[in-house]
C-alpha atoms as a PDB file:
ATOM      1  CA  MET A   1      -0.118   0.122   0.029  1.00  0.00           C
ATOM      2  CA  THR A   2       1.209   3.274  -1.051  1.00  0.00           C
ATOM      3  CA  VAL A   3       0.238   6.545   1.398  1.00  0.00           C
ATOM      4  CA  ASP A   4       1.687   9.776   0.773  1.00  0.00           C
ATOM      5  CA  ARG A   5       3.102  11.887   3.581  1.00  0.00           C
ATOM      6  CA  GLY A   6       0.342  14.170   4.569  1.00  0.00           C
ATOM      7  CA  SER A   7      -2.461  11.760   3.800  1.00  0.00           C
ATOM      8  CA  VAL A   8      -5.294  11.780   6.299  1.00  0.00           C
ATOM      9  CA  VAL A   9      -6.373   8.037   6.866  1.00  0.00           C
ATOM     10  CA  LEU A  10      -8.820   6.475   8.966  1.00  0.00           C
ATOM     11  CA  VAL A  11      -7.043   4.093  11.102  1.00  0.00           C
ATOM     12  CA  GLU A  12      -8.177   1.453  13.927  1.00  0.00           C
ATOM     13  CA  LEU A  13      -6.030   2.499  16.973  1.00  0.00           C
ATOM     14  CA  ASP A  14      -7.385  -0.040  19.116  1.00  0.00           C
ATOM     15  CA  PRO A  15      -6.246  -1.807  21.416  1.00  0.00           C
ATOM     16  CA  THR A  16      -4.625   1.161  23.628  1.00  0.00           C
ATOM     17  CA  VAL A  17      -3.568   1.755  26.937  1.00  0.00           C
ATOM     18  CA  GLY A  18      -3.914   4.627  29.178  1.00  0.00           C
ATOM     19  CA  HIS A  19      -4.258   8.142  27.490  1.00  0.00           C
ATOM     20  CA  GLU A  20      -3.674   6.995  24.159  1.00  0.00           C
ATOM     21  CA  GLN A  21      -6.016   7.964  21.307  1.00  0.00           C
ATOM     22  CA  ARG A  22      -8.532   5.066  20.845  1.00  0.00           C
ATOM     23  CA  GLY A  23     -10.806   3.880  18.206  1.00  0.00           C
ATOM     24  CA  VAL A  24     -11.349   4.256  14.800  1.00  0.00           C
ATOM     25  CA  ARG A  25     -10.190   7.863  13.864  1.00  0.00           C
ATOM     26  CA  PRO A  26      -8.634   9.913  11.187  1.00  0.00           C
ATOM     27  CA  CYS A  27      -4.797  10.219  11.497  1.00  0.00           C
ATOM     28  CA  ILE A  28      -2.055  11.920   9.376  1.00  0.00           C
ATOM     29  CA  VAL A  29       0.623   9.903   7.761  1.00  0.00           C
ATOM     30  CA  VAL A  30       4.043  11.741   8.809  1.00  0.00           C
ATOM     31  CA  SER A  31       6.406   8.905   7.509  1.00  0.00           C
ATOM     32  CA  ASP A  32       8.391   9.149   4.323  1.00  0.00           C
ATOM     33  CA  PRO A  33       6.261   7.820   1.195  1.00  0.00           C
ATOM     34  CA  THR A  34       9.472   5.785   0.199  1.00  0.00           C
ATOM     35  CA  VAL A  35       9.226   3.986   3.264  1.00  0.00           C
ATOM     36  CA  ASN A  36       5.518   3.678   3.322  1.00  0.00           C
ATOM     37  CA  ALA A  37       5.541   2.270  -0.089  1.00  0.00           C
ATOM     38  CA  ALA A  38       8.228  -0.348   0.659  1.00  0.00           C
ATOM     39  CA  GLN A  39       6.809  -3.882   1.063  1.00  0.00           C
ATOM     40  CA  ARG A  40       9.726  -4.603   3.617  1.00  0.00           C
ATOM     41  CA  PHE A  41       8.365  -1.861   6.287  1.00  0.00           C
ATOM     42  CA  PRO A  42       4.875  -2.891   7.114  1.00  0.00           C
ATOM     43  CA  LEU A  43       4.679   0.238   9.596  1.00  0.00           C
ATOM     44  CA  ILE A  44       3.809   3.492   8.949  1.00  0.00           C
ATOM     45  CA  ALA A  45       4.074   6.918  11.155  1.00  0.00           C
ATOM     46  CA  VAL A  46       0.813   8.617  11.967  1.00  0.00           C
ATOM     47  CA  VAL A  47      -0.365  11.538  14.302  1.00  0.00           C
ATOM     48  CA  PRO A  48      -3.998  11.191  15.418  1.00  0.00           C
ATOM     49  CA  VAL A  49      -6.457  13.771  14.697  1.00  0.00           C
ATOM     50  CA  THR A  50      -9.225  15.305  17.368  1.00  0.00           C
ATOM     51  CA  GLY A  51     -12.370  17.352  16.589  1.00  0.00           C
ATOM     52  CA  THR A  52     -11.292  19.433  19.874  1.00  0.00           C
ATOM     53  CA  VAL A  53      -9.475  22.282  18.553  1.00  0.00           C
ATOM     54  CA  GLY A  54      -6.014  22.543  20.695  1.00  0.00           C
ATOM     55  CA  THR A  55      -3.596  25.241  21.499  1.00  0.00           C
ATOM     56  CA  GLY A  56       0.162  25.220  20.952  1.00  0.00           C
ATOM     57  CA  ALA A  57       3.011  23.804  18.721  1.00  0.00           C
ATOM     58  CA  LEU A  58       1.922  20.225  19.730  1.00  0.00           C
ATOM     59  CA  TYR A  59      -1.753  20.605  18.430  1.00  0.00           C
ATOM     60  CA  PRO A  60      -1.752  22.485  15.305  1.00  0.00           C
ATOM     61  CA  VAL A  61      -5.182  23.444  13.664  1.00  0.00           C
ATOM     62  CA  LEU A  62      -6.343  21.414  10.580  1.00  0.00           C
ATOM     63  CA  VAL A  63      -9.389  23.151   8.719  1.00  0.00           C
ATOM     64  CA  PRO A  64     -11.776  21.275   6.353  1.00  0.00           C
ATOM     65  CA  GLY A  65     -11.162  20.933   2.630  1.00  0.00           C
ATOM     66  CA  THR A  66      -8.646  18.851   0.627  1.00  0.00           C
ATOM     67  CA  SER A  67      -8.088  16.791   3.851  1.00  0.00           C
ATOM     68  CA  GLY A  68     -11.538  15.371   4.055  1.00  0.00           C
ATOM     69  CA  LEU A  69     -12.146  16.478   7.649  1.00  0.00           C
ATOM     70  CA  ILE A  70     -15.487  17.774   8.016  1.00  0.00           C
ATOM     71  CA  LYS A  71     -14.834  20.383  10.726  1.00  0.00           C
ATOM     72  CA  GLU A  72     -11.727  22.126  12.290  1.00  0.00           C
ATOM     73  CA  SER A  73      -9.621  19.656  14.157  1.00  0.00           C
ATOM     74  CA  SER A  74      -6.170  19.388  15.767  1.00  0.00           C
ATOM     75  CA  ALA A  75      -3.369  17.065  15.238  1.00  0.00           C
ATOM     76  CA  LEU A  76      -2.144  15.275  18.292  1.00  0.00           C
ATOM     77  CA  ILE A  77       1.476  15.557  17.843  1.00  0.00           C
ATOM     78  CA  ASP A  78       2.078  14.078  21.389  1.00  0.00           C
ATOM     79  CA  HIS A  79       0.270  10.897  20.319  1.00  0.00           C
ATOM     80  CA  LEU A  80       2.632  10.046  17.304  1.00  0.00           C
ATOM     81  CA  ARG A  81       2.547   6.328  16.808  1.00  0.00           C
ATOM     82  CA  ALA A  82       3.957   3.759  14.427  1.00  0.00           C
ATOM     83  CA  VAL A  83       0.959   1.380  13.238  1.00  0.00           C
ATOM     84  CA  ASP A  84       0.791  -1.466  10.759  1.00  0.00           C
ATOM     85  CA  LYS A  85      -0.728  -0.640   7.327  1.00  0.00           C
ATOM     86  CA  ARG A  86      -3.381  -3.296   7.794  1.00  0.00           C
ATOM     87  CA  ARG A  87      -5.029  -0.900  10.366  1.00  0.00           C
ATOM     88  CA  ILE A  88      -5.735   1.621   7.726  1.00  0.00           C
ATOM     89  CA  ARG A  89      -9.347   1.533   6.855  1.00  0.00           C
ATOM     90  CA  ARG A  90      -9.488   4.183   3.913  1.00  0.00           C
ATOM     91  CA  ILE A  91      -7.925   7.395   2.643  1.00  0.00           C
ATOM     92  CA  PHE A  92      -9.811  10.686   3.152  1.00  0.00           C
ATOM     93  CA  GLY A  93      -7.596  13.035   1.509  1.00  0.00           C
ATOM     94  CA  THR A  94      -4.539  15.530   2.221  1.00  0.00           C
ATOM     95  CA  VAL A  95      -3.753  18.323   4.449  1.00  0.00           C
ATOM     96  CA  TYR A  96      -2.524  21.562   2.955  1.00  0.00           C
ATOM     97  CA  ALA A  97       0.939  22.133   2.878  1.00  0.00           C
ATOM     98  CA  THR A  98       0.990  24.819   5.602  1.00  0.00           C
ATOM     99  CA  GLU A  99      -0.839  22.551   7.938  1.00  0.00           C
ATOM    100  CA  LEU A 100       1.825  19.810   7.071  1.00  0.00           C
ATOM    101  CA  ALA A 101       4.638  22.475   7.730  1.00  0.00           C
ATOM    102  CA  ALA A 102       3.078  23.086  11.175  1.00  0.00           C
ATOM    103  CA  ILE A 103       2.867  19.348  11.906  1.00  0.00           C
ATOM    104  CA  ASP A 104       6.678  19.222  10.931  1.00  0.00           C
ATOM    105  CA  GLN A 105       7.513  21.845  13.439  1.00  0.00           C
ATOM    106  CA  GLY A 106       5.519  20.139  16.210  1.00  0.00           C
ATOM    107  CA  LEU A 107       7.231  16.937  15.594  1.00  0.00           C
ATOM    108  CA  GLU A 108      10.766  18.705  15.553  1.00  0.00           C
ATOM    109  CA  LEU A 109       9.526  19.962  18.929  1.00  0.00           C
ATOM    110  CA  PHE A 110       8.403  16.773  20.398  1.00  0.00           C
ATOM    111  CA  LEU A 111      11.098  14.626  19.350  1.00  0.00           C
ATOM    112  CA  GLY A 112      14.013  17.341  19.965  1.00  0.00           C
ATOM    113  CA  LEU A 113      14.961  17.642  16.508  1.00  0.00           C
ATOM    114  CA  GLY A 114      15.408  21.135  16.222  1.00  0.00           C
ATOM    115  CA  ALA A 115      18.646  23.262  16.682  1.00  0.00           C
ATOM    116  CA  THR A 116      20.449  22.564  19.792  1.00  0.00           C
ATOM    117  CA  GLN A 117      20.955  25.353  22.389  1.00  0.00           C
END
């Protein structure tokens, strides 16, 4: 299965533990498309989406449109996870380039990938 980076996909996240996002919910694919397409890599990295709009770099706002989302939502950067491609139920669309850039900034912050001080 080939899934582009920035695609919004419906993913079965259960089973979960504790505060992890659960259920069948939209997620944004954040792993590299070359890795996503490779048969030898059965996992992709996703960031779950919530309909509750958050604030701050770890919760960038997503608007309805090409993404297939029906209401303003937020990406939950702090819930980043790898999932098996078989968990994907369908592909909705793609987030806007500005939204993906905000997600990337949140990932840099969350993962400590930015410039060192």
